[in-house]
Amino acid sequence: MTRTDLRNAGAEVVDEEVVIDGQFTSSQSPADLPAFCVAIVEQFAHAGRPVSGA
C-alpha cells in the first residue's frame, strides 16, 4: 500500500523508524529492522503489563 492508500483508509502516517500504537508495533521498511527488533523485544519483556495507549 502507498502512503496515500493508507491515509485514504483512515491511517495516520508518520515518518518514524518504529511506531507503537497500543499493542500494535510497525515500521516502514527493512532498513528499520534493527529498531523494530528492539521495540518488539521490549514489548515482549512487558507482556502482561498494561501498555500505554491500549
PDB file of N, CA and C in Angstrom:
ATOM      1  N   MET A   1       0.839  -1.183   0.000  1.00  0.00           N
ATOM      2  CA  MET A   1       0.000   0.000   0.000  1.00  0.00           C
ATOM      3  C   MET A   1       0.885   1.247   0.000  1.00  0.00           C
ATOM      4  N   THR A   2       0.413   2.255  -0.658  1.00  0.00           N
ATOM      5  CA  THR A   2       1.124   3.529  -0.648  1.00  0.00           C
ATOM      6  C   THR A   2       0.669   4.368   0.548  1.00  0.00           C
ATOM      7  N   ARG A   3       1.422   5.412   0.839  1.00  0.00           N
ATOM      8  CA  ARG A   3       1.030   6.324   1.923  1.00  0.00           C
ATOM      9  C   ARG A   3      -0.353   6.915   1.648  1.00  0.00           C
ATOM     10  N   THR A   4      -0.618   7.230   0.398  1.00  0.00           N
ATOM     11  CA  THR A   4      -1.923   7.785   0.035  1.00  0.00           C
ATOM     12  C   THR A   4      -3.022   6.771   0.314  1.00  0.00           C
ATOM     13  N   ASP A   5      -2.792   5.513  -0.050  1.00  0.00           N
ATOM     14  CA  ASP A   5      -3.778   4.465   0.225  1.00  0.00           C
ATOM     15  C   ASP A   5      -4.043   4.353   1.724  1.00  0.00           C
ATOM     16  N   LEU A   6      -2.970   4.386   2.505  1.00  0.00           N
ATOM     17  CA  LEU A   6      -3.122   4.280   3.954  1.00  0.00           C
ATOM     18  C   LEU A   6      -3.920   5.453   4.513  1.00  0.00           C
ATOM     19  N   ARG A   7      -3.588   6.659   4.079  1.00  0.00           N
ATOM     20  CA  ARG A   7      -4.328   7.848   4.540  1.00  0.00           C
ATOM     21  C   ARG A   7      -5.800   7.762   4.137  1.00  0.00           C
ATOM     22  N   ASN A   8      -6.056   7.344   2.899  1.00  0.00           N
ATOM     23  CA  ASN A   8      -7.441   7.222   2.430  1.00  0.00           C
ATOM     24  C   ASN A   8      -8.222   6.182   3.224  1.00  0.00           C
ATOM     25  N   ALA A   9      -7.505   5.216   3.792  1.00  0.00           N
ATOM     26  CA  ALA A   9      -8.151   4.187   4.603  1.00  0.00           C
ATOM     27  C   ALA A   9      -8.298   4.620   6.059  1.00  0.00           C
ATOM     28  N   GLY A  10      -7.834   5.847   6.368  1.00  0.00           N
ATOM     29  CA  GLY A  10      -8.008   6.374   7.716  1.00  0.00           C
ATOM     30  C   GLY A  10      -6.792   6.277   8.611  1.00  0.00           C
ATOM     31  N   ALA A  11      -5.676   5.823   8.077  1.00  0.00           N
ATOM     32  CA  ALA A  11      -4.463   5.696   8.887  1.00  0.00           C
ATOM     33  C   ALA A  11      -3.782   7.044   9.058  1.00  0.00           C
ATOM     34  N   GLU A  12      -3.079   7.186  10.166  1.00  0.00           N
ATOM     35  CA  GLU A  12      -2.215   8.349  10.381  1.00  0.00           C
ATOM     36  C   GLU A  12      -0.802   7.904  10.043  1.00  0.00           C
ATOM     37  N   VAL A  13      -0.237   8.429   8.981  1.00  0.00           N
ATOM     38  CA  VAL A  13       1.087   8.035   8.509  1.00  0.00           C
ATOM     39  C   VAL A  13       2.117   8.979   9.113  1.00  0.00           C
ATOM     40  N   VAL A  14       3.123   8.411   9.796  1.00  0.00           N
ATOM     41  CA  VAL A  14       4.190   9.213  10.400  1.00  0.00           C
ATOM     42  C   VAL A  14       5.531   8.728   9.884  1.00  0.00           C
ATOM     43  N   ASP A  15       6.506   9.612   9.871  1.00  0.00           N
ATOM     44  CA  ASP A  15       7.835   9.277   9.374  1.00  0.00           C
ATOM     45  C   ASP A  15       8.743   8.924  10.554  1.00  0.00           C
ATOM     46  N   GLU A  16       8.591   7.710  11.079  1.00  0.00           N
ATOM     47  CA  GLU A  16       9.361   7.209  12.216  1.00  0.00           C
ATOM     48  C   GLU A  16       9.854   5.807  11.894  1.00  0.00           C
ATOM     49  N   GLU A  17      11.005   5.421  12.497  1.00  0.00           N
ATOM     50  CA  GLU A  17      11.506   4.056  12.283  1.00  0.00           C
ATOM     51  C   GLU A  17      10.518   3.024  12.803  1.00  0.00           C
ATOM     52  N   VAL A  18       9.988   3.283  14.000  1.00  0.00           N
ATOM     53  CA  VAL A  18       9.072   2.352  14.651  1.00  0.00           C
ATOM     54  C   VAL A  18       7.937   3.156  15.269  1.00  0.00           C
ATOM     55  N   VAL A  19       6.733   2.627  15.140  1.00  0.00           N
ATOM     56  CA  VAL A  19       5.572   3.232  15.780  1.00  0.00           C
ATOM     57  C   VAL A  19       4.900   2.157  16.616  1.00  0.00           C
ATOM     58  N   ILE A  20       4.653   2.490  17.885  1.00  0.00           N
ATOM     59  CA  ILE A  20       3.931   1.587  18.777  1.00  0.00           C
ATOM     60  C   ILE A  20       2.607   2.257  19.100  1.00  0.00           C
ATOM     61  N   ASP A  21       1.527   1.586  18.741  1.00  0.00           N
ATOM     62  CA  ASP A  21       0.178   2.089  18.979  1.00  0.00           C
ATOM     63  C   ASP A  21      -0.565   1.020  19.754  1.00  0.00           C
ATOM     64  N   GLY A  22      -0.600   1.174  21.065  1.00  0.00           N
ATOM     65  CA  GLY A  22      -1.183   0.133  21.898  1.00  0.00           C
ATOM     66  C   GLY A  22      -0.327  -1.111  21.826  1.00  0.00           C
ATOM     67  N   GLN A  23      -0.911  -2.199  21.366  1.00  0.00           N
ATOM     68  CA  GLN A  23      -0.163  -3.448  21.239  1.00  0.00           C
ATOM     69  C   GLN A  23       0.296  -3.708  19.810  1.00  0.00           C
ATOM     70  N   PHE A  24       0.100  -2.751  18.934  1.00  0.00           N
ATOM     71  CA  PHE A  24       0.500  -2.893  17.537  1.00  0.00           C
ATOM     72  C   PHE A  24       1.809  -2.154  17.316  1.00  0.00           C
ATOM     73  N   THR A  25       2.811  -2.851  16.776  1.00  0.00           N
ATOM     74  CA  THR A  25       4.123  -2.268  16.505  1.00  0.00           C
ATOM     75  C   THR A  25       4.397  -2.397  15.018  1.00  0.00           C
ATOM     76  N   SER A  26       4.811  -1.289  14.382  1.00  0.00           N
ATOM     77  CA  SER A  26       5.072  -1.334  12.946  1.00  0.00           C
ATOM     78  C   SER A  26       6.301  -0.505  12.604  1.00  0.00           C
ATOM     79  N   SER A  27       6.814  -0.751  11.405  1.00  0.00           N
ATOM     80  CA  SER A  27       7.932   0.035  10.882  1.00  0.00           C
ATOM     81  C   SER A  27       7.691   0.254   9.395  1.00  0.00           C
ATOM     82  N   GLN A  28       8.567   1.048   8.770  1.00  0.00           N
ATOM     83  CA  GLN A  28       8.340   1.427   7.380  1.00  0.00           C
ATOM     84  C   GLN A  28       9.014   0.525   6.365  1.00  0.00           C
ATOM     85  N   SER A  29      10.231   0.062   6.691  1.00  0.00           N
ATOM     86  CA  SER A  29      11.000  -0.644   5.667  1.00  0.00           C
ATOM     87  C   SER A  29      12.003  -1.596   6.309  1.00  0.00           C
ATOM     88  N   PRO A  30      12.601  -2.474   5.520  1.00  0.00           N
ATOM     89  CA  PRO A  30      13.627  -3.375   6.051  1.00  0.00           C
ATOM     90  C   PRO A  30      14.799  -2.628   6.700  1.00  0.00           C
ATOM     91  N   ALA A  31      15.068  -1.413   6.281  1.00  0.00           N
ATOM     92  CA  ALA A  31      16.156  -0.634   6.885  1.00  0.00           C
ATOM     93  C   ALA A  31      15.879  -0.325   8.356  1.00  0.00           C
ATOM     94  N   ASP A  32      14.610  -0.371   8.752  1.00  0.00           N
ATOM     95  CA  ASP A  32      14.220  -0.089  10.130  1.00  0.00           C
ATOM     96  C   ASP A  32      14.230  -1.332  11.013  1.00  0.00           C
ATOM     97  N   LEU A  33      14.642  -2.461  10.468  1.00  0.00           N
ATOM     98  CA  LEU A  33      14.578  -3.726  11.196  1.00  0.00           C
ATOM     99  C   LEU A  33      15.308  -3.708  12.540  1.00  0.00           C
ATOM    100  N   PRO A  34      16.514  -3.153  12.663  1.00  0.00           N
ATOM    101  CA  PRO A  34      17.164  -3.148  13.983  1.00  0.00           C
ATOM    102  C   PRO A  34      16.318  -2.442  15.055  1.00  0.00           C
ATOM    103  N   ALA A  35      15.782  -1.285  14.747  1.00  0.00           N
ATOM    104  CA  ALA A  35      14.946  -0.557  15.705  1.00  0.00           C
ATOM    105  C   ALA A  35      13.648  -1.313  15.973  1.00  0.00           C
ATOM    106  N   PHE A  36      13.089  -1.921  14.937  1.00  0.00           N
ATOM    107  CA  PHE A  36      11.861  -2.699  15.089  1.00  0.00           C
ATOM    108  C   PHE A  36      12.084  -3.883  16.026  1.00  0.00           C
ATOM    109  N   CYS A  37      13.208  -4.582  15.861  1.00  0.00           N
ATOM    110  CA  CYS A  37      13.510  -5.741  16.715  1.00  0.00           C
ATOM    111  C   CYS A  37      13.644  -5.329  18.177  1.00  0.00           C
ATOM    112  N   VAL A  38      14.312  -4.214  18.431  1.00  0.00           N
ATOM    113  CA  VAL A  38      14.438  -3.712  19.804  1.00  0.00           C
ATOM    114  C   VAL A  38      13.052  -3.428  20.382  1.00  0.00           C
ATOM    115  N   ALA A  39      12.198  -2.793  19.609  1.00  0.00           N
ATOM    116  CA  ALA A  39      10.854  -2.465  20.077  1.00  0.00           C
ATOM    117  C   ALA A  39      10.044  -3.720  20.370  1.00  0.00           C
ATOM    118  N   ILE A  40      10.157  -4.727  19.526  1.00  0.00           N
ATOM    119  CA  ILE A  40       9.418  -5.977  19.736  1.00  0.00           C
ATOM    120  C   ILE A  40       9.898  -6.677  21.003  1.00  0.00           C
ATOM    121  N   VAL A  41      11.216  -6.726  21.202  1.00  0.00           N
ATOM    122  CA  VAL A  41      11.758  -7.358  22.415  1.00  0.00           C
ATOM    123  C   VAL A  41      11.253  -6.617  23.652  1.00  0.00           C
ATOM    124  N   GLU A  42      11.236  -5.293  23.604  1.00  0.00           N
ATOM    125  CA  GLU A  42      10.718  -4.521  24.733  1.00  0.00           C
ATOM    126  C   GLU A  42       9.235  -4.807  24.963  1.00  0.00           C
ATOM    127  N   GLN A  43       8.478  -4.954  23.889  1.00  0.00           N
ATOM    128  CA  GLN A  43       7.052  -5.280  24.028  1.00  0.00           C
ATOM    129  C   GLN A  43       6.874  -6.636  24.711  1.00  0.00           C
ATOM    130  N   PHE A  44       7.650  -7.628  24.294  1.00  0.00           N
ATOM    131  CA  PHE A  44       7.554  -8.951  24.917  1.00  0.00           C
ATOM    132  C   PHE A  44       8.000  -8.906  26.372  1.00  0.00           C
ATOM    133  N   ALA A  45       9.018  -8.108  26.677  1.00  0.00           N
ATOM    134  CA  ALA A  45       9.512  -8.004  28.048  1.00  0.00           C
ATOM    135  C   ALA A  45       8.448  -7.437  28.982  1.00  0.00           C
ATOM    136  N   HIS A  46       7.543  -6.631  28.436  1.00  0.00           N
ATOM    137  CA  HIS A  46       6.484  -6.027  29.238  1.00  0.00           C
ATOM    138  C   HIS A  46       5.140  -6.724  29.047  1.00  0.00           C
ATOM    139  N   ALA A  47       5.157  -7.904  28.453  1.00  0.00           N
ATOM    140  CA  ALA A  47       3.910  -8.648  28.220  1.00  0.00           C
ATOM    141  C   ALA A  47       3.207  -8.899  29.552  1.00  0.00           C
ATOM    142  N   GLY A  48       1.919  -8.731  29.536  1.00  0.00           N
ATOM    143  CA  GLY A  48       1.133  -8.950  30.737  1.00  0.00           C
ATOM    144  C   GLY A  48       0.973  -7.693  31.575  1.00  0.00           C
ATOM    145  N   ARG A  49       1.718  -6.669  31.247  1.00  0.00           N
ATOM    146  CA  ARG A  49       1.583  -5.387  31.938  1.00  0.00           C
ATOM    147  C   ARG A  49       0.759  -4.462  31.049  1.00  0.00           C
ATOM    148  N   PRO A  50       0.055  -3.520  31.649  1.00  0.00           N
ATOM    149  CA  PRO A  50      -0.710  -2.578  30.824  1.00  0.00           C
ATOM    150  C   PRO A  50       0.208  -1.820  29.872  1.00  0.00           C
ATOM    151  N   VAL A  51      -0.242  -1.658  28.642  1.00  0.00           N
ATOM    152  CA  VAL A  51       0.519  -0.939  27.631  1.00  0.00           C
ATOM    153  C   VAL A  51      -0.118   0.425  27.442  1.00  0.00           C
ATOM    154  N   SER A  52       0.686   1.456  27.484  1.00  0.00           N
ATOM    155  CA  SER A  52       0.182   2.813  27.297  1.00  0.00           C
ATOM    156  C   SER A  52      -0.536   2.924  25.959  1.00  0.00           C
ATOM    157  N   GLY A  53      -1.709   3.513  25.950  1.00  0.00           N
ATOM    158  CA  GLY A  53      -2.471   3.700  24.723  1.00  0.00           C
ATOM    159  C   GLY A  53      -3.390   2.544  24.386  1.00  0.00           C
ATOM    160  N   ALA A  54      -3.343   1.488  25.187  1.00  0.00           N
ATOM    161  CA  ALA A  54      -4.191   0.319  24.890  1.00  0.00           C
ATOM    162  C   ALA A  54      -5.524   0.429  25.581  1.00  0.00           C
TER     163      ALA A  54
END
